[in-house]
PDB file of all heavy atoms in Angstrom:
ATOM      1  N   SER A   1      -2.045 -19.591  16.318  1.00  0.00           N
ATOM      2  CA  SER A   1      -1.073 -19.041  17.263  1.00  0.00           C
ATOM      3  C   SER A   1      -0.356 -17.806  16.702  1.00  0.00           C
ATOM      4  O   SER A   1       0.515 -17.250  17.363  1.00  0.00           O
ATOM      5  CB  SER A   1      -0.041 -20.103  17.631  1.00  0.00           C
ATOM      6  OG  SER A   1       0.702 -20.471  16.478  1.00  0.00           O
ATOM      7  N   GLN A   2      -0.699 -17.390  15.506  1.00  0.00           N
ATOM      8  CA  GLN A   2       0.002 -16.259  14.886  1.00  0.00           C
ATOM      9  C   GLN A   2      -0.864 -14.994  14.908  1.00  0.00           C
ATOM     10  O   GLN A   2      -2.062 -15.048  14.650  1.00  0.00           O
ATOM     11  CB  GLN A   2       0.360 -16.596  13.451  1.00  0.00           C
ATOM     12  CG  GLN A   2       1.305 -15.608  12.830  1.00  0.00           C
ATOM     13  CD  GLN A   2       1.792 -16.101  11.492  1.00  0.00           C
ATOM     14  OE1 GLN A   2       1.018 -16.201  10.563  1.00  0.00           O
ATOM     15  NE2 GLN A   2       3.065 -16.409  11.416  1.00  0.00           N
ATOM     16  N   THR A   3      -0.230 -13.869  15.240  1.00  0.00           N
ATOM     17  CA  THR A   3      -0.911 -12.579  15.248  1.00  0.00           C
ATOM     18  C   THR A   3      -0.139 -11.601  14.380  1.00  0.00           C
ATOM     19  O   THR A   3       1.090 -11.541  14.443  1.00  0.00           O
ATOM     20  CB  THR A   3      -1.017 -12.016  16.687  1.00  0.00           C
ATOM     21  OG1 THR A   3      -1.779 -12.927  17.474  1.00  0.00           O
ATOM     22  CG2 THR A   3      -1.673 -10.660  16.724  1.00  0.00           C
ATOM     23  N   ILE A   4      -0.867 -10.826  13.595  1.00  0.00           N
ATOM     24  CA  ILE A   4      -0.305  -9.742  12.804  1.00  0.00           C
ATOM     25  C   ILE A   4      -0.956  -8.461  13.305  1.00  0.00           C
ATOM     26  O   ILE A   4      -2.177  -8.401  13.469  1.00  0.00           O
ATOM     27  CB  ILE A   4      -0.604  -9.910  11.293  1.00  0.00           C
ATOM     28  CG1 ILE A   4      -0.065 -11.226  10.766  1.00  0.00           C
ATOM     29  CG2 ILE A   4      -0.088  -8.720  10.504  1.00  0.00           C
ATOM     30  CD1 ILE A   4       1.424 -11.290  10.625  1.00  0.00           C
ATOM     31  N   ALA A   5      -0.152  -7.452  13.568  1.00  0.00           N
ATOM     32  CA  ALA A   5      -0.665  -6.161  14.024  1.00  0.00           C
ATOM     33  C   ALA A   5      -0.205  -5.077  13.058  1.00  0.00           C
ATOM     34  O   ALA A   5       0.916  -5.128  12.546  1.00  0.00           O
ATOM     35  CB  ALA A   5      -0.166  -5.859  15.432  1.00  0.00           C
ATOM     36  N   GLY A   6      -1.058  -4.115  12.814  1.00  0.00           N
ATOM     37  CA  GLY A   6      -0.708  -3.029  11.911  1.00  0.00           C
ATOM     38  C   GLY A   6      -1.068  -1.678  12.500  1.00  0.00           C
ATOM     39  O   GLY A   6      -2.034  -1.555  13.247  1.00  0.00           O
ATOM     40  N   VAL A   7      -0.261  -0.681  12.155  1.00  0.00           N
ATOM     41  CA  VAL A   7      -0.545   0.715  12.505  1.00  0.00           C
ATOM     42  C   VAL A   7      -0.501   1.500  11.209  1.00  0.00           C
ATOM     43  O   VAL A   7       0.457   1.394  10.441  1.00  0.00           O
ATOM     44  CB  VAL A   7       0.489   1.284  13.505  1.00  0.00           C
ATOM     45  CG1 VAL A   7       0.230   2.765  13.758  1.00  0.00           C
ATOM     46  CG2 VAL A   7       0.473   0.513  14.812  1.00  0.00           C
ATOM     47  N   PHE A   8      -1.544   2.270  10.978  1.00  0.00           N
ATOM     48  CA  PHE A   8      -1.658   3.017   9.737  1.00  0.00           C
ATOM     49  C   PHE A   8      -2.023   4.463  10.029  1.00  0.00           C
ATOM     50  O   PHE A   8      -3.002   4.734  10.720  1.00  0.00           O
ATOM     51  CB  PHE A   8      -2.723   2.380   8.839  1.00  0.00           C
ATOM     52  CG  PHE A   8      -2.465   0.913   8.601  1.00  0.00           C
ATOM     53  CD1 PHE A   8      -3.045  -0.049   9.419  1.00  0.00           C
ATOM     54  CD2 PHE A   8      -1.614   0.509   7.609  1.00  0.00           C
ATOM     55  CE1 PHE A   8      -2.795  -1.390   9.225  1.00  0.00           C
ATOM     56  CE2 PHE A   8      -1.351  -0.837   7.399  1.00  0.00           C
ATOM     57  CZ  PHE A   8      -1.945  -1.784   8.210  1.00  0.00           C
ATOM     58  N   SER A   9      -1.220   5.380   9.510  1.00  0.00           N
ATOM     59  CA  SER A   9      -1.497   6.802   9.635  1.00  0.00           C
ATOM     60  C   SER A   9      -2.373   7.200   8.457  1.00  0.00           C
ATOM     61  O   SER A   9      -2.002   7.012   7.295  1.00  0.00           O
ATOM     62  CB  SER A   9      -0.191   7.604   9.610  1.00  0.00           C
ATOM     63  OG  SER A   9      -0.486   8.982   9.588  1.00  0.00           O
ATOM     64  N   LEU A  10      -3.526   7.746   8.737  1.00  0.00           N
ATOM     65  CA  LEU A  10      -4.467   8.096   7.678  1.00  0.00           C
ATOM     66  C   LEU A  10      -4.056   9.338   6.906  1.00  0.00           C
ATOM     67  O   LEU A  10      -4.542   9.563   5.801  1.00  0.00           O
ATOM     68  CB  LEU A  10      -5.868   8.272   8.265  1.00  0.00           C
ATOM     69  CG  LEU A  10      -6.401   7.042   9.006  1.00  0.00           C
ATOM     70  CD1 LEU A  10      -7.768   7.336   9.593  1.00  0.00           C
ATOM     71  CD2 LEU A  10      -6.441   5.832   8.104  1.00  0.00           C
ATOM     72  N   LYS A  11      -3.153  10.130   7.488  1.00  0.00           N
ATOM     73  CA  LYS A  11      -2.711  11.360   6.828  1.00  0.00           C
ATOM     74  C   LYS A  11      -1.188  11.460   6.746  1.00  0.00           C
ATOM     75  O   LYS A  11      -0.652  12.536   6.543  1.00  0.00           O
ATOM     76  CB  LYS A  11      -3.287  12.579   7.546  1.00  0.00           C
ATOM     77  CG  LYS A  11      -4.806  12.629   7.448  1.00  0.00           C
ATOM     78  CD  LYS A  11      -5.364  13.915   7.972  1.00  0.00           C
ATOM     79  CE  LYS A  11      -6.876  13.925   7.795  1.00  0.00           C
ATOM     80  NZ  LYS A  11      -7.467  15.134   8.363  1.00  0.00           N
ATOM     81  N   GLY A  12      -0.492  10.336   6.936  1.00  0.00           N
ATOM     82  CA  GLY A  12       0.961  10.325   6.839  1.00  0.00           C
ATOM     83  C   GLY A  12       1.657  11.068   7.959  1.00  0.00           C
ATOM     84  O   GLY A  12       2.785  11.513   7.817  1.00  0.00           O
ATOM     85  N   LYS A  13       0.979  11.177   9.105  1.00  0.00           N
ATOM     86  CA  LYS A  13       1.545  11.903  10.252  1.00  0.00           C
ATOM     87  C   LYS A  13       2.286  10.957  11.187  1.00  0.00           C
ATOM     88  O   LYS A  13       1.944   9.787  11.321  1.00  0.00           O
ATOM     89  CB  LYS A  13       0.434  12.572  11.061  1.00  0.00           C
ATOM     90  CG  LYS A  13      -0.304  13.662  10.356  1.00  0.00           C
ATOM     91  CD  LYS A  13      -1.354  14.217  11.300  1.00  0.00           C
ATOM     92  CE  LYS A  13      -2.180  15.309  10.672  1.00  0.00           C
ATOM     93  NZ  LYS A  13      -3.217  15.779  11.602  1.00  0.00           N
ATOM     94  N   GLN A  14       3.271  11.498  11.866  1.00  0.00           N
ATOM     95  CA  GLN A  14       3.988  10.780  12.920  1.00  0.00           C
ATOM     96  C   GLN A  14       3.093  10.707  14.145  1.00  0.00           C
ATOM     97  O   GLN A  14       2.312  11.623  14.416  1.00  0.00           O
ATOM     98  CB  GLN A  14       5.268  11.530  13.265  1.00  0.00           C
ATOM     99  CG  GLN A  14       6.083  10.889  14.349  1.00  0.00           C
ATOM    100  CD  GLN A  14       7.373  11.642  14.614  1.00  0.00           C
ATOM    101  OE1 GLN A  14       7.805  12.439  13.801  1.00  0.00           O
ATOM    102  NE2 GLN A  14       7.961  11.400  15.758  1.00  0.00           N
ATOM    103  N   GLY A  15       3.192   9.614  14.896  1.00  0.00           N
ATOM    104  CA  GLY A  15       2.414   9.512  16.121  1.00  0.00           C
ATOM    105  C   GLY A  15       2.657   8.208  16.838  1.00  0.00           C
ATOM    106  O   GLY A  15       3.410   7.351  16.386  1.00  0.00           O
ATOM    107  N   GLU A  16       1.987   8.061  17.972  1.00  0.00           N
ATOM    108  CA  GLU A  16       2.103   6.868  18.801  1.00  0.00           C
ATOM    109  C   GLU A  16       0.729   6.219  18.873  1.00  0.00           C
ATOM    110  O   GLU A  16      -0.264   6.892  19.145  1.00  0.00           O
ATOM    111  CB  GLU A  16       2.585   7.259  20.195  1.00  0.00           C
ATOM    112  CG  GLU A  16       2.883   6.086  21.081  1.00  0.00           C
ATOM    113  CD  GLU A  16       3.433   6.534  22.418  1.00  0.00           C
ATOM    114  OE1 GLU A  16       2.712   7.220  23.157  1.00  0.00           O
ATOM    115  OE2 GLU A  16       4.581   6.189  22.708  1.00  0.00           O
ATOM    116  N   ALA A  17       0.679   4.919  18.611  1.00  0.00           N
ATOM    117  CA  ALA A  17      -0.598   4.209  18.587  1.00  0.00           C
ATOM    118  C   ALA A  17      -0.600   3.050  19.558  1.00  0.00           C
ATOM    119  O   ALA A  17       0.392   2.334  19.675  1.00  0.00           O
ATOM    120  CB  ALA A  17      -0.884   3.691  17.176  1.00  0.00           C
ATOM    121  N   ALA A  18      -1.724   2.864  20.228  1.00  0.00           N
ATOM    122  CA  ALA A  18      -1.914   1.681  21.068  1.00  0.00           C
ATOM    123  C   ALA A  18      -2.020   0.480  20.146  1.00  0.00           C
ATOM    124  O   ALA A  18      -2.842   0.462  19.235  1.00  0.00           O
ATOM    125  CB  ALA A  18      -3.169   1.838  21.913  1.00  0.00           C
ATOM    126  N   ILE A  19      -1.141  -0.497  20.355  1.00  0.00           N
ATOM    127  CA  ILE A  19      -1.118  -1.658  19.467  1.00  0.00           C
ATOM    128  C   ILE A  19      -1.426  -2.947  20.215  1.00  0.00           C
ATOM    129  O   ILE A  19      -1.711  -3.968  19.614  1.00  0.00           O
ATOM    130  CB  ILE A  19       0.224  -1.724  18.710  1.00  0.00           C
ATOM    131  CG1 ILE A  19       0.134  -2.656  17.520  1.00  0.00           C
ATOM    132  CG2 ILE A  19       1.367  -2.058  19.625  1.00  0.00           C
ATOM    133  CD1 ILE A  19       1.262  -2.499  16.547  1.00  0.00           C
ATOM    134  N   GLY A  20      -1.387  -2.895  21.542  1.00  0.00           N
ATOM    135  CA  GLY A  20      -1.786  -4.034  22.356  1.00  0.00           C
ATOM    136  C   GLY A  20      -0.846  -5.224  22.322  1.00  0.00           C
ATOM    137  O   GLY A  20      -1.260  -6.328  22.646  1.00  0.00           O
ATOM    138  N   LEU A  21       0.393  -5.026  21.928  1.00  0.00           N
ATOM    139  CA  LEU A  21       1.374  -6.110  21.912  1.00  0.00           C
ATOM    140  C   LEU A  21       2.267  -6.018  23.141  1.00  0.00           C
ATOM    141  O   LEU A  21       2.468  -4.927  23.682  1.00  0.00           O
ATOM    142  CB  LEU A  21       2.254  -6.023  20.660  1.00  0.00           C
ATOM    143  CG  LEU A  21       1.569  -6.167  19.322  1.00  0.00           C
ATOM    144  CD1 LEU A  21       2.593  -6.024  18.197  1.00  0.00           C
ATOM    145  CD2 LEU A  21       0.849  -7.491  19.217  1.00  0.00           C
ATOM    146  N   PRO A  22       2.832  -7.129  23.560  1.00  0.00           N
ATOM    147  CA  PRO A  22       3.786  -7.074  24.676  1.00  0.00           C
ATOM    148  C   PRO A  22       4.992  -6.199  24.315  1.00  0.00           C
ATOM    149  O   PRO A  22       5.385  -6.127  23.145  1.00  0.00           O
ATOM    150  CB  PRO A  22       4.216  -8.533  24.839  1.00  0.00           C
ATOM    151  CG  PRO A  22       3.151  -9.344  24.190  1.00  0.00           C
ATOM    152  CD  PRO A  22       2.601  -8.497  23.091  1.00  0.00           C
ATOM    153  N   ASP A  23       5.551  -5.539  25.305  1.00  0.00           N
ATOM    154  CA  ASP A  23       6.738  -4.715  25.078  1.00  0.00           C
ATOM    155  C   ASP A  23       7.854  -5.550  24.483  1.00  0.00           C
ATOM    156  O   ASP A  23       8.030  -6.722  24.830  1.00  0.00           O
ATOM    157  CB  ASP A  23       7.217  -4.084  26.391  1.00  0.00           C
ATOM    158  CG  ASP A  23       6.279  -3.005  26.908  1.00  0.00           C
ATOM    159  OD1 ASP A  23       5.278  -2.701  26.236  1.00  0.00           O
ATOM    160  OD2 ASP A  23       6.561  -2.460  27.980  1.00  0.00           O
ATOM    161  N   GLY A  24       8.598  -4.955  23.568  1.00  0.00           N
ATOM    162  CA  GLY A  24       9.709  -5.653  22.934  1.00  0.00           C
ATOM    163  C   GLY A  24      10.000  -5.065  21.576  1.00  0.00           C
ATOM    164  O   GLY A  24       9.446  -4.034  21.193  1.00  0.00           O
ATOM    165  N   GLU A  25      10.886  -5.725  20.846  1.00  0.00           N
ATOM    166  CA  GLU A  25      11.251  -5.284  19.505  1.00  0.00           C
ATOM    167  C   GLU A  25      10.659  -6.248  18.484  1.00  0.00           C
ATOM    168  O   GLU A  25      10.696  -7.465  18.672  1.00  0.00           O
ATOM    169  CB  GLU A  25      12.765  -5.210  19.356  1.00  0.00           C
ATOM    170  CG  GLU A  25      13.361  -4.090  20.187  1.00  0.00           C
ATOM    171  CD  GLU A  25      14.823  -3.839  19.870  1.00  0.00           C
ATOM    172  OE1 GLU A  25      15.463  -4.694  19.226  1.00  0.00           O
ATOM    173  OE2 GLU A  25      15.310  -2.786  20.266  1.00  0.00           O
ATOM    174  N   TYR A  26      10.115  -5.676  17.427  1.00  0.00           N
ATOM    175  CA  TYR A  26       9.464  -6.441  16.367  1.00  0.00           C
ATOM    176  C   TYR A  26      10.008  -5.963  15.026  1.00  0.00           C
ATOM    177  O   TYR A  26      10.479  -4.833  14.895  1.00  0.00           O
ATOM    178  CB  TYR A  26       7.943  -6.222  16.398  1.00  0.00           C
ATOM    179  CG  TYR A  26       7.307  -6.682  17.683  1.00  0.00           C
ATOM    180  CD1 TYR A  26       7.251  -5.843  18.794  1.00  0.00           C
ATOM    181  CD2 TYR A  26       6.762  -7.949  17.795  1.00  0.00           C
ATOM    182  CE1 TYR A  26       6.671  -6.258  19.981  1.00  0.00           C
ATOM    183  CE2 TYR A  26       6.178  -8.382  18.980  1.00  0.00           C
ATOM    184  CZ  TYR A  26       6.136  -7.533  20.066  1.00  0.00           C
ATOM    185  OH  TYR A  26       5.563  -7.954  21.236  1.00  0.00           O
ATOM    186  N   ARG A  27       9.883  -6.822  14.018  1.00  0.00           N
ATOM    187  CA  ARG A  27      10.324  -6.464  12.672  1.00  0.00           C
ATOM    188  C   ARG A  27       9.116  -6.007  11.867  1.00  0.00           C
ATOM    189  O   ARG A  27       8.091  -6.680  11.833  1.00  0.00           O
ATOM    190  CB  ARG A  27      10.970  -7.673  12.001  1.00  0.00           C
ATOM    191  CG  ARG A  27      11.525  -7.376  10.623  1.00  0.00           C
ATOM    192  CD  ARG A  27      12.300  -8.553  10.063  1.00  0.00           C
ATOM    193  NE  ARG A  27      11.499  -9.766   9.978  1.00  0.00           N
ATOM    194  CZ  ARG A  27      10.823 -10.136   8.894  1.00  0.00           C
ATOM    195  NH1 ARG A  27      10.830  -9.386   7.820  1.00  0.00           N
ATOM    196  NH2 ARG A  27      10.142 -11.254   8.897  1.00  0.00           N
ATOM    197  N   ASN A  28       9.258  -4.832  11.216  1.00  0.00           N
ATOM    198  CA  ASN A  28       8.216  -4.339  10.319  1.00  0.00           C
ATOM    199  C   ASN A  28       8.312  -5.154   9.031  1.00  0.00           C
ATOM    200  O   ASN A  28       9.325  -5.117   8.337  1.00  0.00           O
ATOM    201  CB  ASN A  28       8.410  -2.851  10.037  1.00  0.00           C
ATOM    202  CG  ASN A  28       7.291  -2.262   9.202  1.00  0.00           C
ATOM    203  OD1 ASN A  28       6.424  -2.969   8.703  1.00  0.00           O
ATOM    204  ND2 ASN A  28       7.316  -0.951   9.044  1.00  0.00           N
ATOM    205  N   LEU A  29       7.272  -5.903   8.721  1.00  0.00           N
ATOM    206  CA  LEU A  29       7.286  -6.778   7.558  1.00  0.00           C
ATOM    207  C   LEU A  29       7.317  -6.002   6.240  1.00  0.00           C
ATOM    208  O   LEU A  29       7.642  -6.567   5.198  1.00  0.00           O
ATOM    209  CB  LEU A  29       6.069  -7.703   7.582  1.00  0.00           C
ATOM    210  CG  LEU A  29       5.990  -8.648   8.784  1.00  0.00           C
ATOM    211  CD1 LEU A  29       4.692  -9.438   8.749  1.00  0.00           C
ATOM    212  CD2 LEU A  29       7.185  -9.569   8.828  1.00  0.00           C
ATOM    213  N   LEU A  30       7.002  -4.724   6.273  1.00  0.00           N
ATOM    214  CA  LEU A  30       6.974  -3.932   5.044  1.00  0.00           C
ATOM    215  C   LEU A  30       8.340  -3.419   4.614  1.00  0.00           C
ATOM    216  O   LEU A  30       8.622  -3.321   3.427  1.00  0.00           O
ATOM    217  CB  LEU A  30       6.001  -2.755   5.185  1.00  0.00           C
ATOM    218  CG  LEU A  30       4.552  -3.154   5.440  1.00  0.00           C
ATOM    219  CD1 LEU A  30       3.699  -1.919   5.632  1.00  0.00           C
ATOM    220  CD2 LEU A  30       4.025  -4.013   4.305  1.00  0.00           C
ATOM    221  N   ASP A  31       9.194  -3.062   5.582  1.00  0.00           N
ATOM    222  CA  ASP A  31      10.501  -2.498   5.215  1.00  0.00           C
ATOM    223  C   ASP A  31      11.670  -3.094   5.998  1.00  0.00           C
ATOM    224  O   ASP A  31      12.788  -2.610   5.910  1.00  0.00           O
ATOM    225  CB  ASP A  31      10.499  -0.979   5.347  1.00  0.00           C
ATOM    226  CG  ASP A  31      10.329  -0.502   6.782  1.00  0.00           C
ATOM    227  OD1 ASP A  31      10.326  -1.336   7.717  1.00  0.00           O
ATOM    228  OD2 ASP A  31      10.196   0.720   6.972  1.00  0.00           O
ATOM    229  N   ASP A  32      11.396  -4.123   6.789  1.00  0.00           N
ATOM    230  CA  ASP A  32      12.411  -4.839   7.565  1.00  0.00           C
ATOM    231  C   ASP A  32      13.045  -3.992   8.670  1.00  0.00           C
ATOM    232  O   ASP A  32      14.090  -4.355   9.194  1.00  0.00           O
ATOM    233  CB  ASP A  32      13.486  -5.418   6.641  1.00  0.00           C
ATOM    234  CG  ASP A  32      14.101  -6.683   7.202  1.00  0.00           C
ATOM    235  OD1 ASP A  32      13.375  -7.443   7.876  1.00  0.00           O
ATOM    236  OD2 ASP A  32      15.307  -6.900   6.994  1.00  0.00           O
ATOM    237  N   SER A  33      12.435  -2.878   9.036  1.00  0.00           N
ATOM    238  CA  SER A  33      12.968  -2.050  10.121  1.00  0.00           C
ATOM    239  C   SER A  33      12.558  -2.644  11.471  1.00  0.00           C
ATOM    240  O   SER A  33      11.639  -3.465  11.558  1.00  0.00           O
ATOM    241  CB  SER A  33      12.460  -0.611  10.012  1.00  0.00           C
ATOM    242  OG  SER A  33      11.047  -0.563  10.171  1.00  0.00           O
ATOM    243  N   THR A  34      13.236  -2.236  12.523  1.00  0.00           N
ATOM    244  CA  THR A  34      12.921  -2.668  13.881  1.00  0.00           C
ATOM    245  C   THR A  34      11.971  -1.660  14.513  1.00  0.00           C
ATOM    246  O   THR A  34      12.205  -0.453  14.453  1.00  0.00           O
ATOM    247  CB  THR A  34      14.200  -2.785  14.726  1.00  0.00           C
ATOM    248  OG1 THR A  34      15.063  -3.741  14.113  1.00  0.00           O
ATOM    249  CG2 THR A  34      13.888  -3.219  16.146  1.00  0.00           C
ATOM    250  N   VAL A  35      10.918  -2.170  15.105  1.00  0.00           N
ATOM    251  CA  VAL A  35       9.915  -1.335  15.771  1.00  0.00           C
ATOM    252  C   VAL A  35       9.904  -1.717  17.243  1.00  0.00           C
ATOM    253  O   VAL A  35       9.792  -2.903  17.576  1.00  0.00           O
ATOM    254  CB  VAL A  35       8.517  -1.553  15.154  1.00  0.00           C
ATOM    255  CG1 VAL A  35       7.469  -0.742  15.899  1.00  0.00           C
ATOM    256  CG2 VAL A  35       8.530  -1.205  13.674  1.00  0.00           C
ATOM    257  N   THR A  36      10.024  -0.732  18.113  1.00  0.00           N
ATOM    258  CA  THR A  36       9.987  -0.968  19.555  1.00  0.00           C
ATOM    259  C   THR A  36       8.588  -0.692  20.077  1.00  0.00           C
ATOM    260  O   THR A  36       8.012   0.365  19.816  1.00  0.00           O
ATOM    261  CB  THR A  36      11.003  -0.063  20.279  1.00  0.00           C
ATOM    262  OG1 THR A  36      12.311  -0.350  19.766  1.00  0.00           O
ATOM    263  CG2 THR A  36      10.987  -0.304  21.782  1.00  0.00           C
TER     264      THR A  36
END
């Protein structure tokens, strides 16, 4: 029942990625920031 999703910039660029998760706020497990 658990899903982990990741977004990785191959060149350290800012951007928007399709992640396929329901809309909402999530916690980035790497730095504890909030991701919308």
